[in-house]
Amino acid sequence: MLSSKKYKEYDQNFQGYFKGNYDEDSDDQSKKKPTLIMNVQGNSKNLLRDTRYNVVKLVGEKIFKWKLQYEIDENQWDIFWTDASVQSETLGKMQPHQKINHFPGMFSLSRKNHLGKNLMKMKKQFPYEYKFFPKTWLLPTDYGEFRNQFVKGKAKTFIIKPEASCQGRGIFLTKDIDDIDPNDHYVAQRYLDKPFLIEGLKFDLRVYVLLAGTDPMRIYVYQDGLVRFATEPYVAPSFNNIDDVCMHLTNYAINKGNPNFIFNNDASKMDVGHKRSIKSVFGKLEEEGYNIQKLWQDIYKLIIKTFCSVQPILNHHYKSCQPDNYANNMCFEILGFDIFVNQKFQPYLLEVNHTPSFTTDTPLDLLIKKNLIRDTLILMNVNLKAKEQIIISRKEQLKQRVLTKKQQKITPGERQALIQKFQKFRDEYEDNNLGDFVKIYPLSDSGEYTRFIEFAALMQDYWTGAKVSRNLKVDVNNANKNTVHSGNNFRKQQRNLQMKQQFLRINQPGFLNEEPETQNQQKQANTQNQFKKQVQ
């Protein structure tokens, strides 16, 4: 029986919390006074200017009839939209009714070196499930092992990227190790040289993904996005064409300067030009017999697994700043996942952008990005009634503190009940307000991803200095001695045991540089030894 005063105060938030009206033609929405405030000012000491994307202001001011604010005021805004990363300090100062368009800690995905490190660690533990990105080396740390790719005669073509660049800046292809300074910071990857071609051109997909919570993760994929084409017919890389960036790179910022580039000037014809809509391209491919549904499902799995690798990091940042936000809804983020499709129609992750461009220099861009931002803000359920309920509840809590001279605490059971209740209301609201989004996580059959998050949590503990390694060794030894052979419990213990043993190996010096054959041999030996112990 839930009885504490604080629980009742939180529970009051549900009255009207998930009821909003976002009809673009609604007179009632525009007549409401006071209106919501959207802050479009930079929140960094070095970024004292408003967002550079006019489409964001268009959606806030014209569609939702919100007031735009251009001054930094920590207490007088409802939505904060910034082009910069968000620091933990900013989230920690926010009020419960406020929302901001980034998560602290998202560098773990958006920085190429962090993304490579996280995914490579996961791939060592789950080689089959994490084979959706190119083999990666982090330079200069992995320079010795990367150099071996050339010495051993394995050298094909590699793509070299600055670890913190965007829009294709500083990227080049190479077949020669001497092109790389051993001391420079790069992310090196095997170049995927067998792309699926459309009209003889290489392309990539800009898939827009909305992360709307960290525990549980709430992941949505927008059903329209951009297909960006290279502007020169594709030929396999050779020493003669390796410097032709308009053949091998699909970045819009690079190709739009090519005289061959065709701009799309008509939003009603989205299948024209070197930048097209995903819907138009997928529609044509489906007519030609390609299995678009399977491609989408493969992309969804790729996205979820990528987020699983950093969920503990994002959740740690969020919970540290807002431990009492049981609705899990003060941050949201639109990310741009860049996807390569190979000649077997299989998707590969190239990179993740935490501030995808909302430039609207073509009618196609304006239509897709306007609808994307609108559907995102509707899904995040920003409305006056929710704001008023939260503020009233907040005042009651402060009043009780003054009267009792102490803060009311809730029990773990009450806390869990609140979390589940908020989650239920979010599910109901969001399922009815998806717009052009598809919810991919969590779903009723999402349990298969738990093991990825569990392993990522072990890595997070290890990297943050927790004495997890010593504790794991004790746990592994005890598990070897006391394994209970009973159905599902046995299988679960075995899975956890194998995960912890592999975790200890992954964090040994040199493991990431082992050849796959060596790793497989060691895995087989470990499995045989473990089986012998069980038999004995």
Protein backbone atom coordinates (compact mmCIF):
# COMPACT_ATOMS: atom_id res chain seq x y z
CA MET A 1 0.00 0.00 0.00
CA LEU A 2 1.56 3.28 -1.10
CA SER A 3 1.02 5.90 1.55
CA SER A 4 3.72 8.57 1.73
CA LYS A 5 2.81 12.22 1.10
CA LYS A 6 5.53 12.60 -1.48
CA TYR A 7 4.16 9.73 -3.51
CA LYS A 8 0.72 11.34 -3.51
CA GLU A 9 2.23 14.62 -4.65
CA TYR A 10 3.99 12.95 -7.55
CA ASP A 11 0.84 11.02 -8.35
CA GLN A 12 -1.09 14.26 -8.86
CA ASN A 13 1.02 14.92 -11.94
CA PHE A 14 -0.94 12.31 -13.86
CA GLN A 15 -4.08 14.47 -13.97
CA GLY A 16 -3.84 15.84 -17.49
CA TYR A 17 -0.10 15.14 -17.70
CA PHE A 18 -0.29 13.41 -21.04
CA LYS A 19 -3.05 15.47 -22.65
CA GLY A 20 -2.02 18.03 -25.24
CA ASN A 21 -3.41 19.59 -28.38
CA TYR A 22 -1.00 20.09 -31.25
CA ASP A 23 -3.35 20.58 -34.18
CA GLU A 24 -1.64 23.08 -36.46
CA ASP A 25 -5.02 24.62 -37.37
CA SER A 26 -6.37 24.78 -33.82
CA ASP A 27 -7.45 28.25 -32.69
CA ASP A 28 -7.58 27.11 -29.06
CA GLN A 29 -3.87 26.33 -29.01
CA SER A 30 -2.88 29.76 -30.32
CA LYS A 31 -5.22 31.64 -27.95
CA LYS A 32 -3.89 30.06 -24.76
CA LYS A 33 -2.26 32.60 -22.45
CA PRO A 34 0.39 32.45 -21.27
CA THR A 35 2.05 30.47 -24.04
CA LEU A 36 5.01 28.13 -23.78
CA ILE A 37 8.51 29.52 -24.23
CA MET A 38 11.11 27.99 -26.54
CA ASN A 39 14.66 29.13 -25.86
CA VAL A 40 16.75 29.03 -29.02
CA GLN A 41 19.82 30.69 -27.52
CA GLY A 42 23.17 28.91 -27.23
CA ASN A 43 23.88 27.61 -23.73
CA SER A 44 27.67 27.55 -23.93
CA LYS A 45 29.93 30.33 -22.70
CA ASN A 46 31.56 30.25 -26.13
CA LEU A 47 28.30 30.02 -28.08
CA LEU A 48 26.31 33.16 -27.26
CA ARG A 49 24.01 33.05 -30.27
CA ASP A 50 20.73 31.45 -31.22
CA THR A 51 20.36 28.20 -33.13
CA ARG A 52 21.46 28.64 -36.73
CA TYR A 53 18.59 26.56 -38.08
CA ASN A 54 15.56 28.64 -39.05
CA VAL A 55 13.37 25.55 -39.42
CA VAL A 56 13.54 25.04 -35.63
CA LYS A 57 12.22 28.56 -35.05
CA LEU A 58 9.60 28.06 -37.76
CA VAL A 59 8.18 24.98 -36.05
CA GLY A 60 8.17 26.58 -32.59
CA GLU A 61 6.72 29.93 -33.57
CA LYS A 62 4.43 29.16 -36.52
CA ILE A 63 3.19 25.63 -35.85
CA PHE A 64 3.02 25.54 -32.05
CA LYS A 65 2.54 29.29 -31.53
CA TRP A 66 5.23 29.36 -28.87
CA LYS A 67 7.14 32.43 -27.82
CA LEU A 68 10.78 32.35 -28.89
CA GLN A 69 13.35 33.48 -26.35
CA TYR A 70 16.78 34.74 -27.33
CA GLU A 71 18.20 35.42 -23.88
CA ILE A 72 19.70 32.88 -21.53
CA ASP A 73 17.36 32.56 -18.56
CA GLU A 74 17.51 29.30 -16.65
CA ASN A 75 14.05 29.70 -15.11
CA GLN A 76 11.79 31.11 -17.81
CA TRP A 77 11.76 28.60 -20.65
CA ASP A 78 9.95 25.35 -21.35
CA ILE A 79 11.92 23.97 -24.30
CA PHE A 80 15.62 24.66 -24.78
CA TRP A 81 16.91 24.01 -28.30
CA THR A 82 20.64 24.32 -28.77
CA ASP A 83 23.10 23.32 -31.47
CA ALA A 84 25.77 22.66 -28.83
CA SER A 85 26.29 19.68 -26.55
CA VAL A 86 24.59 19.80 -23.16
CA GLN A 87 26.66 19.58 -20.00
CA SER A 88 25.53 17.75 -16.87
CA GLU A 89 25.45 21.06 -15.00
CA THR A 90 22.75 22.38 -17.35
CA LEU A 91 20.51 19.35 -16.85
CA GLY A 92 21.03 19.45 -13.09
CA LYS A 93 19.65 23.00 -12.88
CA MET A 94 16.51 22.29 -14.92
CA GLN A 95 13.01 22.29 -13.46
CA PRO A 96 10.83 19.16 -13.86
CA HIS A 97 8.62 20.71 -16.57
CA GLN A 98 11.56 21.79 -18.75
CA LYS A 99 12.98 19.80 -21.65
CA ILE A 100 16.23 20.12 -23.59
CA ASN A 101 17.19 18.66 -26.95
CA HIS A 102 20.39 16.82 -25.96
CA PHE A 103 21.56 14.21 -23.43
CA PRO A 104 24.75 14.74 -21.43
CA GLY A 105 27.31 12.08 -22.36
CA MET A 106 26.21 11.68 -25.97
CA PHE A 107 29.85 12.13 -27.01
CA SER A 108 30.13 8.39 -26.35
CA LEU A 109 28.27 7.90 -29.64
CA SER A 110 28.93 11.05 -31.63
CA ARG A 111 32.72 11.15 -31.27
CA LYS A 112 34.15 8.74 -33.81
CA ASN A 113 36.86 7.49 -31.46
CA HIS A 114 34.42 6.82 -28.60
CA LEU A 115 31.95 5.12 -30.91
CA GLY A 116 34.71 2.93 -32.33
CA LYS A 117 36.00 2.01 -28.89
CA ASN A 118 32.55 1.12 -27.55
CA LEU A 119 31.52 -0.95 -30.56
CA MET A 120 34.86 -2.78 -30.79
CA LYS A 121 34.57 -3.81 -27.14
CA MET A 122 31.06 -5.10 -27.76
CA LYS A 123 32.20 -6.94 -30.87
CA LYS A 124 34.84 -8.85 -28.93
CA GLN A 125 32.14 -10.18 -26.61
CA PHE A 126 29.39 -10.56 -29.23
CA PRO A 127 31.19 -11.08 -32.57
CA TYR A 128 28.12 -12.25 -34.48
CA GLU A 129 25.70 -9.62 -33.16
CA TYR A 130 28.11 -6.68 -33.59
CA LYS A 131 29.38 -7.18 -37.11
CA PHE A 132 27.39 -4.24 -38.51
CA PHE A 133 30.28 -1.75 -38.66
CA PRO A 134 33.69 -1.78 -40.37
CA LYS A 135 36.76 -3.04 -38.54
CA THR A 136 38.19 -0.06 -36.70
CA TRP A 137 41.55 1.08 -35.31
CA LEU A 138 41.98 4.05 -32.98
CA LEU A 139 45.17 5.92 -33.82
CA PRO A 140 47.77 6.44 -32.50
CA THR A 141 46.88 3.83 -29.82
CA ASP A 142 46.36 1.01 -32.34
CA TYR A 143 48.99 2.22 -34.81
CA GLY A 144 51.22 -0.86 -34.42
CA GLU A 145 48.41 -3.31 -35.09
CA PHE A 146 47.08 -1.13 -37.91
CA ARG A 147 50.53 -1.07 -39.53
CA ASN A 148 50.50 -4.88 -39.50
CA GLN A 149 47.59 -4.76 -41.93
CA PHE A 150 50.07 -3.50 -44.51
CA VAL A 151 53.11 -5.56 -43.47
CA LYS A 152 51.19 -8.83 -43.66
CA GLY A 153 50.08 -8.10 -47.18
CA LYS A 154 46.47 -7.65 -46.14
CA ALA A 155 46.35 -4.03 -47.21
CA LYS A 156 43.28 -3.13 -49.18
CA THR A 157 41.81 0.32 -48.83
CA PHE A 158 41.30 2.18 -45.59
CA ILE A 159 39.30 5.29 -44.82
CA ILE A 160 40.93 7.68 -42.35
CA LYS A 161 38.78 10.09 -40.33
CA PRO A 162 39.73 12.78 -37.80
CA GLU A 163 38.23 11.64 -34.50
CA ALA A 164 36.09 14.77 -33.97
CA SER A 165 35.25 16.12 -37.43
CA CYS A 166 31.98 16.36 -39.36
CA GLN A 167 30.65 16.96 -42.89
CA GLY A 168 33.52 14.97 -44.41
CA ARG A 169 36.23 17.39 -43.31
CA GLY A 170 39.69 15.83 -43.19
CA ILE A 171 38.59 12.40 -44.45
CA PHE A 172 40.78 10.57 -46.96
CA LEU A 173 41.33 7.09 -48.40
CA THR A 174 44.68 5.36 -48.45
CA LYS A 175 46.46 2.18 -49.45
CA ASP A 176 49.78 3.35 -48.00
CA ILE A 177 50.67 3.41 -44.29
CA ASP A 178 53.15 6.20 -44.96
CA ASP A 179 50.22 8.55 -45.59
CA ILE A 180 49.53 8.52 -41.85
CA ASP A 181 51.57 10.26 -39.17
CA PRO A 182 52.01 7.78 -36.28
CA ASN A 183 51.32 10.57 -33.78
CA ASP A 184 48.11 11.94 -35.31
CA HIS A 185 44.71 11.17 -33.82
CA TYR A 186 42.56 9.37 -36.37
CA VAL A 187 39.92 6.70 -36.61
CA ALA A 188 40.97 4.21 -39.30
CA GLN A 189 38.48 1.78 -40.83
CA ARG A 190 38.38 -0.82 -43.54
CA TYR A 191 36.84 0.88 -46.55
CA LEU A 192 33.61 -0.84 -47.58
CA ASP A 193 34.35 -1.23 -51.27
CA LYS A 194 31.30 -3.20 -52.44
CA PRO A 195 28.37 -0.81 -52.16
CA PHE A 196 24.86 -1.31 -53.42
CA LEU A 197 24.58 1.12 -56.33
CA ILE A 198 21.68 3.16 -57.63
CA GLU A 199 22.12 4.48 -61.16
CA GLY A 200 25.80 3.53 -60.87
CA LEU A 201 26.33 5.82 -57.86
CA LYS A 202 27.34 5.11 -54.30
CA PHE A 203 24.98 6.47 -51.63
CA ASP A 204 24.33 6.47 -47.90
CA LEU A 205 21.19 6.85 -45.78
CA ARG A 206 20.70 9.60 -43.20
CA VAL A 207 18.28 7.92 -40.81
CA TYR A 208 16.82 10.17 -38.12
CA VAL A 209 16.56 8.53 -34.71
CA LEU A 210 14.90 10.00 -31.61
CA LEU A 211 16.14 9.00 -28.18
CA ALA A 212 13.50 10.05 -25.64
CA GLY A 213 14.70 8.38 -22.43
CA THR A 214 17.54 6.40 -20.90
CA ASP A 215 15.98 3.94 -18.41
CA PRO A 216 14.36 2.35 -20.19
CA MET A 217 15.73 3.66 -23.44
CA ARG A 218 12.92 4.97 -25.62
CA ILE A 219 14.02 4.80 -29.26
CA TYR A 220 12.05 5.94 -32.30
CA VAL A 221 13.02 5.90 -35.98
CA TYR A 222 11.60 8.42 -38.44
CA GLN A 223 10.25 6.77 -41.55
CA ASP A 224 11.58 9.42 -43.88
CA GLY A 225 15.08 10.74 -44.16
CA LEU A 226 17.69 11.52 -46.76
CA VAL A 227 19.52 9.44 -49.36
CA ARG A 228 22.76 11.20 -50.29
CA PHE A 229 24.52 10.27 -53.49
CA ALA A 230 28.09 10.60 -54.67
CA THR A 231 28.35 12.61 -57.87
CA GLU A 232 30.81 10.46 -59.85
CA PRO A 233 30.07 6.90 -61.08
CA TYR A 234 31.50 4.35 -58.66
CA VAL A 235 34.58 2.30 -59.51
CA ALA A 236 36.41 0.09 -57.01
CA PRO A 237 39.25 2.05 -55.34
CA SER A 238 42.64 2.02 -57.00
CA PHE A 239 45.75 4.18 -56.86
CA ASN A 240 44.34 6.07 -59.86
CA ASN A 241 41.01 7.09 -58.30
CA ILE A 242 41.60 6.90 -54.57
CA ASP A 243 41.66 10.70 -54.28
CA ASP A 244 38.32 11.16 -56.06
CA VAL A 245 36.24 12.12 -53.03
CA CYS A 246 33.13 12.72 -55.13
CA MET A 247 33.21 9.05 -56.13
CA HIS A 248 33.97 7.47 -52.76
CA LEU A 249 32.38 9.87 -50.24
CA THR A 250 28.68 10.63 -50.09
CA ASN A 251 28.80 13.67 -47.79
CA TYR A 252 26.51 16.41 -49.04
CA ALA A 253 28.98 19.12 -48.00
CA ILE A 254 31.57 17.59 -50.34
CA ASN A 255 29.42 16.68 -53.33
CA LYS A 256 27.30 19.82 -53.59
CA GLY A 257 30.34 21.66 -54.98
CA ASN A 258 30.69 19.23 -57.88
CA PRO A 259 29.36 20.62 -61.21
CA ASN A 260 27.52 17.30 -61.66
CA PHE A 261 25.44 17.84 -58.51
CA ILE A 262 21.70 18.12 -59.19
CA PHE A 263 19.64 19.94 -56.57
CA ASN A 264 16.07 18.93 -55.86
CA ASN A 265 13.89 21.99 -56.47
CA ASP A 266 10.46 20.37 -56.16
CA ALA A 267 9.28 18.74 -52.92
CA SER A 268 6.62 16.84 -54.87
CA LYS A 269 9.39 15.01 -56.79
CA MET A 270 11.53 13.52 -54.05
CA ASP A 271 13.21 10.94 -56.30
CA VAL A 272 15.17 13.50 -58.32
CA GLY A 273 18.71 14.75 -57.81
CA HIS A 274 21.70 13.75 -55.70
CA LYS A 275 19.76 14.14 -52.46
CA ARG A 276 16.45 12.27 -52.29
CA SER A 277 13.98 11.12 -49.68
CA ILE A 278 14.24 7.65 -48.16
CA LYS A 279 10.56 7.02 -48.87
CA SER A 280 10.93 7.72 -52.58
CA VAL A 281 14.08 5.61 -52.98
CA PHE A 282 12.77 2.71 -50.90
CA GLY A 283 9.48 2.83 -52.79
CA LYS A 284 11.23 2.35 -56.13
CA LEU A 285 13.49 -0.39 -54.78
CA GLU A 286 10.47 -2.23 -53.40
CA GLU A 287 8.81 -2.05 -56.81
CA GLU A 288 11.95 -3.66 -58.23
CA GLY A 289 11.60 -6.57 -55.80
CA TYR A 290 14.01 -5.63 -53.02
CA ASN A 291 12.99 -6.58 -49.47
CA ILE A 292 12.68 -3.14 -47.87
CA GLN A 293 10.93 -4.48 -44.78
CA LYS A 294 13.90 -6.69 -43.95
CA LEU A 295 16.31 -3.82 -44.58
CA TRP A 296 14.38 -1.65 -42.12
CA GLN A 297 14.38 -4.44 -39.53
CA ASP A 298 18.14 -4.85 -39.90
CA ILE A 299 18.58 -1.09 -39.50
CA TYR A 300 16.40 -1.10 -36.36
CA LYS A 301 18.51 -3.85 -34.79
CA LEU A 302 21.70 -2.01 -35.68
CA ILE A 303 20.40 1.16 -34.01
CA ILE A 304 19.27 -0.59 -30.82
CA LYS A 305 22.56 -2.46 -30.43
CA THR A 306 24.49 0.77 -30.92
CA PHE A 307 22.52 2.45 -28.13
CA CYS A 308 22.95 -0.61 -25.89
CA SER A 309 26.72 -0.07 -25.98
CA VAL A 310 26.35 3.34 -24.28
CA GLN A 311 23.10 3.05 -22.31
CA PRO A 312 24.90 2.80 -18.94
CA ILE A 313 26.92 5.94 -19.74
CA LEU A 314 23.89 8.00 -20.78
CA ASN A 315 21.79 6.74 -17.88
CA HIS A 316 24.55 7.51 -15.36
CA HIS A 317 24.75 11.11 -16.56
CA TYR A 318 20.98 11.51 -16.54
CA LYS A 319 20.30 9.92 -13.14
CA SER A 320 23.17 11.83 -11.54
CA CYS A 321 21.56 15.11 -12.62
CA GLN A 322 17.87 14.29 -12.21
CA PRO A 323 17.51 11.33 -9.81
CA ASP A 324 13.83 12.11 -9.10
CA ASN A 325 12.63 12.46 -12.68
CA TYR A 326 10.58 9.28 -12.68
CA ALA A 327 8.97 10.18 -16.01
CA ASN A 328 12.39 9.85 -17.70
CA ASN A 329 11.43 12.71 -20.01
CA MET A 330 13.49 15.89 -19.50
CA CYS A 331 15.92 15.20 -22.37
CA PHE A 332 15.37 14.17 -25.95
CA GLU A 333 17.74 14.03 -28.89
CA ILE A 334 17.43 13.67 -32.64
CA LEU A 335 20.47 11.82 -33.96
CA GLY A 336 21.55 11.21 -37.53
CA PHE A 337 22.62 7.61 -38.13
CA ASP A 338 24.61 7.34 -41.37
CA ILE A 339 24.00 3.93 -42.93
CA PHE A 340 25.89 2.22 -45.77
CA VAL A 341 24.18 -0.55 -47.76
CA ASN A 342 26.39 -3.18 -49.37
CA GLN A 343 25.80 -5.12 -52.57
CA LYS A 344 24.09 -7.88 -50.55
CA PHE A 345 21.56 -5.30 -49.32
CA GLN A 346 22.94 -5.39 -45.78
CA PRO A 347 23.24 -2.18 -43.69
CA TYR A 348 26.44 -1.03 -41.97
CA LEU A 349 26.82 1.81 -39.50
CA LEU A 350 29.22 4.53 -40.61
CA GLU A 351 28.81 7.10 -37.83
CA VAL A 352 26.34 8.83 -35.52
CA ASN A 353 25.75 12.59 -35.57
CA HIS A 354 24.43 14.22 -32.38
CA THR A 355 23.70 17.51 -34.18
CA PRO A 356 22.51 16.47 -37.65
CA SER A 357 22.21 19.40 -40.01
CA PHE A 358 18.81 21.06 -40.20
CA THR A 359 19.84 23.28 -43.08
CA THR A 360 16.93 23.66 -45.51
CA ASP A 361 18.49 24.80 -48.78
CA THR A 362 16.10 22.68 -50.86
CA PRO A 363 12.30 22.15 -50.67
CA LEU A 364 13.02 18.49 -49.93
CA ASP A 365 15.09 19.38 -46.85
CA LEU A 366 12.48 21.82 -45.58
CA LEU A 367 9.61 19.36 -45.87
CA ILE A 368 11.37 16.42 -44.21
CA LYS A 369 13.08 18.37 -41.44
CA LYS A 370 10.05 20.51 -40.58
CA ASN A 371 7.89 17.41 -40.20
CA LEU A 372 10.61 15.63 -38.24
CA ILE A 373 10.97 18.43 -35.68
CA ARG A 374 7.19 18.87 -35.41
CA ASP A 375 6.58 15.15 -34.82
CA THR A 376 9.42 15.07 -32.28
CA LEU A 377 7.99 17.89 -30.16
CA ILE A 378 4.52 16.37 -30.30
CA LEU A 379 5.91 13.03 -29.17
CA MET A 380 7.72 14.72 -26.27
CA ASN A 381 4.32 16.05 -25.12
CA VAL A 382 5.17 19.65 -24.35
CA ASN A 383 1.92 21.35 -23.28
CA LEU A 384 0.61 23.90 -20.83
CA LYS A 385 -1.51 21.51 -18.79
CA ALA A 386 1.46 19.26 -18.04
CA LYS A 387 3.56 22.27 -17.07
CA GLU A 388 0.89 23.62 -14.71
CA GLN A 389 0.42 20.27 -12.97
CA ILE A 390 4.14 19.84 -12.40
CA ILE A 391 4.56 23.38 -11.04
CA ILE A 392 1.63 22.92 -8.64
CA SER A 393 3.06 19.63 -7.40
CA ARG A 394 6.50 21.22 -6.99
CA LYS A 395 5.07 24.04 -4.87
CA GLU A 396 3.27 21.55 -2.65
CA GLN A 397 6.49 19.62 -2.09
CA LEU A 398 8.36 22.78 -1.12
CA LYS A 399 5.51 23.79 1.19
CA GLN A 400 5.64 20.43 2.96
CA ARG A 401 9.40 20.76 3.42
CA VAL A 402 8.95 24.13 5.10
CA LEU A 403 6.21 22.85 7.39
CA THR A 404 7.93 19.60 8.37
CA LYS A 405 11.48 20.99 8.11
CA LYS A 406 12.54 17.84 6.34
CA GLN A 407 12.26 16.23 2.94
CA GLN A 408 9.72 13.46 2.54
CA LYS A 409 11.27 10.24 1.29
CA ILE A 410 9.58 7.47 -0.63
CA THR A 411 10.27 3.78 -0.30
CA PRO A 412 11.89 1.74 -3.10
CA GLY A 413 8.52 0.12 -3.74
CA GLU A 414 6.81 3.48 -4.10
CA ARG A 415 9.58 4.68 -6.37
CA GLN A 416 9.20 1.68 -8.66
CA ALA A 417 5.42 2.10 -8.74
CA LEU A 418 5.83 5.72 -9.83
CA ILE A 419 8.28 4.76 -12.57
CA GLN A 420 5.94 2.09 -13.90
CA LYS A 421 2.95 4.40 -13.79
CA PHE A 422 4.75 7.15 -15.70
CA GLN A 423 6.00 4.60 -18.20
CA LYS A 424 2.49 3.29 -18.77
CA PHE A 425 1.14 6.78 -19.43
CA ARG A 426 4.03 7.57 -21.75
CA ASP A 427 3.43 4.37 -23.67
CA GLU A 428 -0.25 5.17 -24.12
CA TYR A 429 0.36 8.77 -25.15
CA GLU A 430 3.27 8.07 -27.49
CA ASP A 431 1.60 5.12 -29.19
CA ASN A 432 -1.22 7.49 -30.18
CA ASN A 433 1.04 10.37 -31.25
CA LEU A 434 3.80 8.74 -33.29
CA GLY A 435 3.33 10.83 -36.41
CA ASP A 436 5.84 9.39 -38.89
CA PHE A 437 7.91 7.73 -36.16
CA VAL A 438 8.13 4.00 -35.48
CA LYS A 439 8.86 2.85 -31.95
CA ILE A 440 11.64 0.25 -31.98
CA TYR A 441 12.52 0.07 -28.27
CA PRO A 442 11.29 -1.03 -25.79
CA LEU A 443 8.90 -3.58 -27.25
CA SER A 444 7.41 -6.74 -25.78
CA ASP A 445 10.17 -8.84 -27.37
CA SER A 446 13.11 -6.54 -26.50
CA GLY A 447 14.53 -8.88 -23.87
CA GLU A 448 17.21 -10.16 -26.25
CA TYR A 449 19.05 -6.84 -25.85
CA THR A 450 19.40 -7.10 -22.05
CA ARG A 451 22.68 -9.00 -22.25
CA PHE A 452 24.23 -6.22 -24.36
CA ILE A 453 23.29 -3.57 -21.80
CA GLU A 454 24.54 -5.76 -18.94
CA PHE A 455 27.92 -6.16 -20.58
CA ALA A 456 28.14 -2.46 -21.41
CA ALA A 457 27.46 -1.78 -17.72
CA LEU A 458 30.41 -3.96 -16.76
CA MET A 459 32.62 -1.98 -19.12
CA GLN A 460 31.30 1.31 -17.75
CA ASP A 461 32.10 0.27 -14.18
CA TYR A 462 35.58 -0.76 -15.25
CA TRP A 463 36.32 2.49 -17.08
CA THR A 464 34.99 4.71 -14.30
CA GLY A 465 37.41 3.27 -11.77
CA ALA A 466 35.11 0.90 -9.91
CA LYS A 467 36.97 -2.10 -8.52
CA VAL A 468 34.88 -4.33 -10.69
CA SER A 469 37.78 -6.41 -12.01
CA ARG A 470 38.71 -7.79 -8.59
CA ASN A 471 35.06 -8.43 -7.71
CA LEU A 472 34.47 -10.18 -11.01
CA LYS A 473 37.40 -12.51 -10.45
CA VAL A 474 35.95 -13.55 -7.09
CA ASP A 475 32.51 -13.94 -8.65
CA VAL A 476 33.86 -16.05 -11.50
CA ASN A 477 35.78 -18.33 -9.14
CA ASN A 478 32.73 -18.81 -6.92
CA ALA A 479 30.54 -19.47 -9.93
CA ASN A 480 32.93 -22.14 -11.20
CA LYS A 481 32.72 -23.92 -7.83
CA ASN A 482 29.03 -23.49 -7.09
CA THR A 483 27.18 -23.56 -10.43
CA VAL A 484 23.64 -24.82 -9.95
CA HIS A 485 22.57 -27.19 -12.73
CA SER A 486 18.86 -26.40 -12.95
CA GLY A 487 17.15 -25.39 -16.19
CA ASN A 488 16.86 -21.69 -16.93
CA ASN A 489 18.75 -20.75 -13.76
CA PHE A 490 21.74 -22.77 -14.92
CA ARG A 491 21.68 -21.23 -18.39
CA LYS A 492 21.46 -17.72 -16.94
CA GLN A 493 24.38 -18.39 -14.58
CA GLN A 494 26.41 -19.82 -17.43
CA ARG A 495 25.71 -16.78 -19.59
CA ASN A 496 26.73 -14.39 -16.81
CA LEU A 497 29.82 -16.46 -16.05
CA GLN A 498 30.95 -16.47 -19.67
CA MET A 499 30.26 -12.75 -19.96
CA LYS A 500 32.36 -11.94 -16.90
CA GLN A 501 35.22 -14.20 -17.98
CA GLN A 502 35.24 -12.59 -21.41
CA PHE A 503 35.06 -9.12 -19.84
CA LEU A 504 38.25 -9.80 -17.87
CA ARG A 505 40.02 -10.95 -21.06
CA ILE A 506 38.83 -7.97 -23.10
CA ASN A 507 40.37 -5.59 -20.61
CA GLN A 508 43.75 -7.29 -20.66
CA PRO A 509 46.47 -5.38 -22.55
CA GLY A 510 46.67 -6.37 -26.18
CA PHE A 511 43.33 -8.14 -26.43
CA LEU A 512 41.91 -5.74 -28.99
CA ASN A 513 44.94 -6.41 -31.18
CA GLU A 514 44.52 -10.19 -31.22
CA GLU A 515 43.69 -11.78 -34.52
CA PRO A 516 40.21 -13.36 -34.71
CA GLU A 517 41.72 -16.83 -35.19
CA THR A 518 43.62 -16.52 -31.90
CA GLN A 519 40.52 -15.34 -30.07
CA ASN A 520 38.43 -18.19 -31.45
CA GLN A 521 41.04 -20.76 -30.45
CA GLN A 522 41.11 -19.39 -26.91
CA LYS A 523 37.30 -19.38 -26.72
CA GLN A 524 37.18 -23.02 -27.84
CA ALA A 525 39.83 -23.98 -25.30
CA ASN A 526 37.96 -22.20 -22.51
CA THR A 527 34.72 -23.93 -23.47
CA GLN A 528 36.40 -27.36 -23.48
CA ASN A 529 38.06 -26.76 -20.10
CA GLN A 530 34.80 -25.56 -18.60
CA PHE A 531 32.99 -28.65 -19.92
CA LYS A 532 35.67 -30.93 -18.43
CA LYS A 533 35.27 -29.27 -15.02
CA GLN A 534 31.50 -29.74 -15.13
CA VAL A 535 31.87 -33.43 -16.03
CA GLN A 536 34.38 -33.97 -13.22
